[in-house]
N, C-alpha and C. Protein backbone atom coordinates (compact mmCIF):
# COMPACT_ATOMS: atom_id res chain seq x y z
N UNK A 1 62.28 104.32 4.83
CA UNK A 1 60.81 104.18 5.18
C UNK A 1 60.38 102.70 5.49
N UNK A 2 61.09 101.86 4.78
CA UNK A 2 60.78 100.34 4.88
C UNK A 2 61.07 99.93 6.30
N UNK A 3 62.14 100.50 6.86
CA UNK A 3 62.61 100.19 8.25
C UNK A 3 61.44 100.37 9.22
N UNK A 4 60.77 101.47 9.10
CA UNK A 4 59.52 101.85 9.82
C UNK A 4 58.36 100.92 9.71
N UNK A 5 58.09 100.41 8.62
CA UNK A 5 56.84 99.49 8.48
C UNK A 5 57.24 98.09 8.87
N UNK A 6 58.46 97.64 9.04
CA UNK A 6 58.72 96.23 9.35
C UNK A 6 58.16 95.87 10.81
N UNK A 7 58.35 96.72 11.75
CA UNK A 7 57.83 96.33 13.19
C UNK A 7 56.31 96.06 13.26
N UNK A 8 55.62 96.91 12.51
CA UNK A 8 54.13 96.65 12.31
C UNK A 8 53.75 95.29 11.83
N UNK A 9 54.52 94.89 10.89
CA UNK A 9 54.29 93.50 10.14
C UNK A 9 54.76 92.60 11.07
N UNK A 10 55.70 92.60 11.99
CA UNK A 10 56.18 91.61 13.05
C UNK A 10 55.03 91.62 14.00
N UNK A 11 54.56 92.71 14.48
CA UNK A 11 53.64 92.85 15.33
C UNK A 11 52.26 92.20 15.00
N UNK A 12 51.83 92.33 13.89
CA UNK A 12 50.77 91.80 13.16
C UNK A 12 50.96 90.30 13.32
N UNK A 13 52.05 89.64 12.85
CA UNK A 13 52.29 88.29 12.88
C UNK A 13 52.24 87.76 14.27
N UNK A 14 52.68 88.51 15.31
CA UNK A 14 52.59 88.12 16.68
C UNK A 14 51.18 88.05 17.19
N UNK A 15 50.29 88.98 16.77
CA UNK A 15 49.00 88.90 17.06
C UNK A 15 48.18 87.72 16.41
N UNK A 16 48.49 87.64 15.25
CA UNK A 16 48.02 86.36 14.46
C UNK A 16 48.46 85.02 15.34
N UNK A 17 49.51 85.02 15.73
CA UNK A 17 49.92 83.83 16.37
C UNK A 17 49.36 83.58 17.57
N UNK A 18 49.14 84.72 18.43
CA UNK A 18 48.36 84.38 19.70
C UNK A 18 46.92 84.30 19.58
N UNK A 19 46.28 84.88 18.42
CA UNK A 19 44.92 84.88 18.23
C UNK A 19 44.68 83.34 17.77
N UNK A 20 45.62 82.83 16.91
CA UNK A 20 45.46 81.35 16.47
C UNK A 20 45.41 80.44 17.79
N UNK A 21 46.36 80.74 18.69
CA UNK A 21 46.46 79.99 20.00
C UNK A 21 45.24 80.04 20.82
N UNK A 22 44.66 81.20 20.97
CA UNK A 22 43.57 81.42 21.61
C UNK A 22 42.25 80.81 21.12
N UNK A 23 42.23 80.91 19.75
CA UNK A 23 41.04 80.30 18.90
C UNK A 23 41.12 78.96 19.21
N UNK A 24 42.32 78.24 19.08
CA UNK A 24 42.49 76.82 19.03
C UNK A 24 42.07 76.25 20.42
N UNK A 25 42.45 77.07 21.49
CA UNK A 25 42.11 76.69 22.80
C UNK A 25 40.65 76.75 23.02
N UNK A 26 40.09 77.68 22.63
CA UNK A 26 38.55 78.00 22.87
C UNK A 26 37.69 77.01 22.08
N UNK A 27 38.12 76.63 20.74
CA UNK A 27 37.33 75.68 20.11
C UNK A 27 37.48 74.31 20.73
N UNK A 28 38.63 73.77 21.17
CA UNK A 28 38.85 72.52 21.96
C UNK A 28 37.96 72.59 23.18
N UNK A 29 38.08 73.64 23.92
CA UNK A 29 37.43 73.63 25.15
C UNK A 29 35.78 73.75 25.03
N UNK A 30 35.52 74.31 24.06
CA UNK A 30 33.88 74.33 23.73
C UNK A 30 33.55 72.88 23.31
N UNK A 31 34.40 72.34 22.33
CA UNK A 31 34.00 70.93 21.80
C UNK A 31 34.03 69.83 22.99
N UNK A 32 34.88 69.92 23.78
CA UNK A 32 34.89 69.02 24.76
C UNK A 32 33.89 69.19 25.96
N UNK A 33 33.58 70.47 26.19
CA UNK A 33 32.67 70.86 27.06
C UNK A 33 31.25 70.15 26.77
N UNK A 34 30.98 70.56 25.33
CA UNK A 34 29.63 69.95 24.85
C UNK A 34 29.48 68.82 24.76
N UNK A 35 30.57 67.98 24.40
CA UNK A 35 30.66 66.56 24.24
C UNK A 35 30.33 65.87 25.57
N UNK A 36 31.06 66.30 26.68
CA UNK A 36 30.93 65.86 28.09
C UNK A 36 29.60 66.10 28.56
N UNK A 37 29.12 67.43 28.53
CA UNK A 37 27.87 67.86 29.18
C UNK A 37 26.76 67.28 28.53
N UNK A 38 26.62 67.26 27.16
CA UNK A 38 25.37 66.84 26.67
C UNK A 38 25.49 65.47 25.84
N UNK A 39 26.79 65.05 25.32
CA UNK A 39 26.92 63.78 24.89
C UNK A 39 26.93 62.73 25.75
N UNK A 40 27.76 62.85 26.92
CA UNK A 40 27.86 61.97 27.92
C UNK A 40 27.28 62.06 29.30
N UNK A 41 26.46 63.27 29.27
CA UNK A 41 25.71 63.45 30.42
C UNK A 41 26.45 63.59 31.73
N UNK A 42 27.67 64.32 31.55
CA UNK A 42 28.65 64.35 32.88
C UNK A 42 28.04 65.60 33.42
N UNK A 43 28.58 65.68 34.87
CA UNK A 43 28.10 66.83 35.65
C UNK A 43 28.86 68.18 35.23
N UNK A 44 28.33 69.18 35.60
CA UNK A 44 28.93 70.60 35.11
C UNK A 44 30.32 70.83 35.50
N UNK A 45 30.71 70.29 36.71
CA UNK A 45 32.00 70.44 37.22
C UNK A 45 33.12 69.81 36.48
N UNK A 46 32.63 68.33 36.22
CA UNK A 46 33.38 67.67 35.48
C UNK A 46 33.66 68.00 33.98
N UNK A 47 32.50 68.58 33.41
CA UNK A 47 32.75 69.03 32.06
C UNK A 47 33.55 70.17 32.01
N UNK A 48 33.51 71.11 32.98
CA UNK A 48 34.42 72.46 32.96
C UNK A 48 35.85 72.02 33.27
N UNK A 49 36.05 71.14 34.07
CA UNK A 49 37.51 70.54 34.34
C UNK A 49 38.03 70.02 33.08
N UNK A 50 37.31 69.17 32.39
CA UNK A 50 37.91 68.67 31.05
C UNK A 50 37.90 69.57 30.01
N UNK A 51 37.01 70.57 29.98
CA UNK A 51 37.28 71.79 29.12
C UNK A 51 38.38 72.48 29.49
N UNK A 52 38.90 72.96 30.42
CA UNK A 52 40.14 73.54 31.03
C UNK A 52 41.18 72.71 30.62
N UNK A 53 41.18 71.43 30.94
CA UNK A 53 42.32 70.52 30.66
C UNK A 53 42.56 70.55 29.11
N UNK A 54 41.60 70.41 28.32
CA UNK A 54 41.72 70.24 26.78
C UNK A 54 42.14 71.57 26.33
N UNK A 55 41.55 72.75 26.90
CA UNK A 55 42.21 73.95 26.39
C UNK A 55 43.73 74.23 26.57
N UNK A 56 43.99 73.90 27.78
CA UNK A 56 45.47 74.18 28.11
C UNK A 56 46.25 73.05 27.09
N UNK A 57 45.92 71.87 26.91
CA UNK A 57 46.60 71.04 25.99
C UNK A 57 46.57 71.59 24.59
N UNK A 58 45.43 72.05 24.19
CA UNK A 58 45.35 72.59 22.77
C UNK A 58 46.07 73.88 22.63
N UNK A 59 46.18 74.62 23.53
CA UNK A 59 46.98 75.93 23.58
C UNK A 59 48.45 75.48 23.42
N UNK A 60 48.81 74.47 24.10
CA UNK A 60 50.24 74.24 24.08
C UNK A 60 50.60 73.58 22.69
N UNK A 61 49.74 72.71 22.08
CA UNK A 61 49.98 72.27 20.77
C UNK A 61 50.06 73.33 19.85
N UNK A 62 49.15 74.23 19.90
CA UNK A 62 49.13 75.41 18.90
C UNK A 62 50.37 76.24 19.13
N UNK A 63 50.75 76.45 20.25
CA UNK A 63 52.13 77.28 20.47
C UNK A 63 53.27 76.62 19.87
N UNK A 64 53.45 75.23 20.15
CA UNK A 64 54.41 74.48 19.54
C UNK A 64 54.34 74.56 18.17
N UNK A 65 53.06 74.41 17.48
CA UNK A 65 53.02 74.53 15.91
C UNK A 65 53.34 75.73 15.36
N UNK A 66 52.98 76.99 16.10
CA UNK A 66 53.32 78.23 15.63
C UNK A 66 54.86 78.44 15.68
N UNK A 67 55.58 77.86 16.40
CA UNK A 67 57.01 78.11 16.57
C UNK A 67 57.77 77.21 15.50
N UNK A 68 57.17 76.43 14.85
CA UNK A 68 57.78 75.39 13.89
C UNK A 68 58.27 76.42 12.71
């Protein structure tokens, strides 16, 4: 019976891993968007571009950290 419950635990760990990566990217994107848009009065296009850039970088860092 233990063999049947093991894949669900591994799947749960994988969901936590990808959820962590997505959350990290979303928080980084929101932070840099708000900073650029309202803190530095940048244009909408510039703010979105920086948010996308930071989201990709944050997701990459979170992915590398989750594999350690």
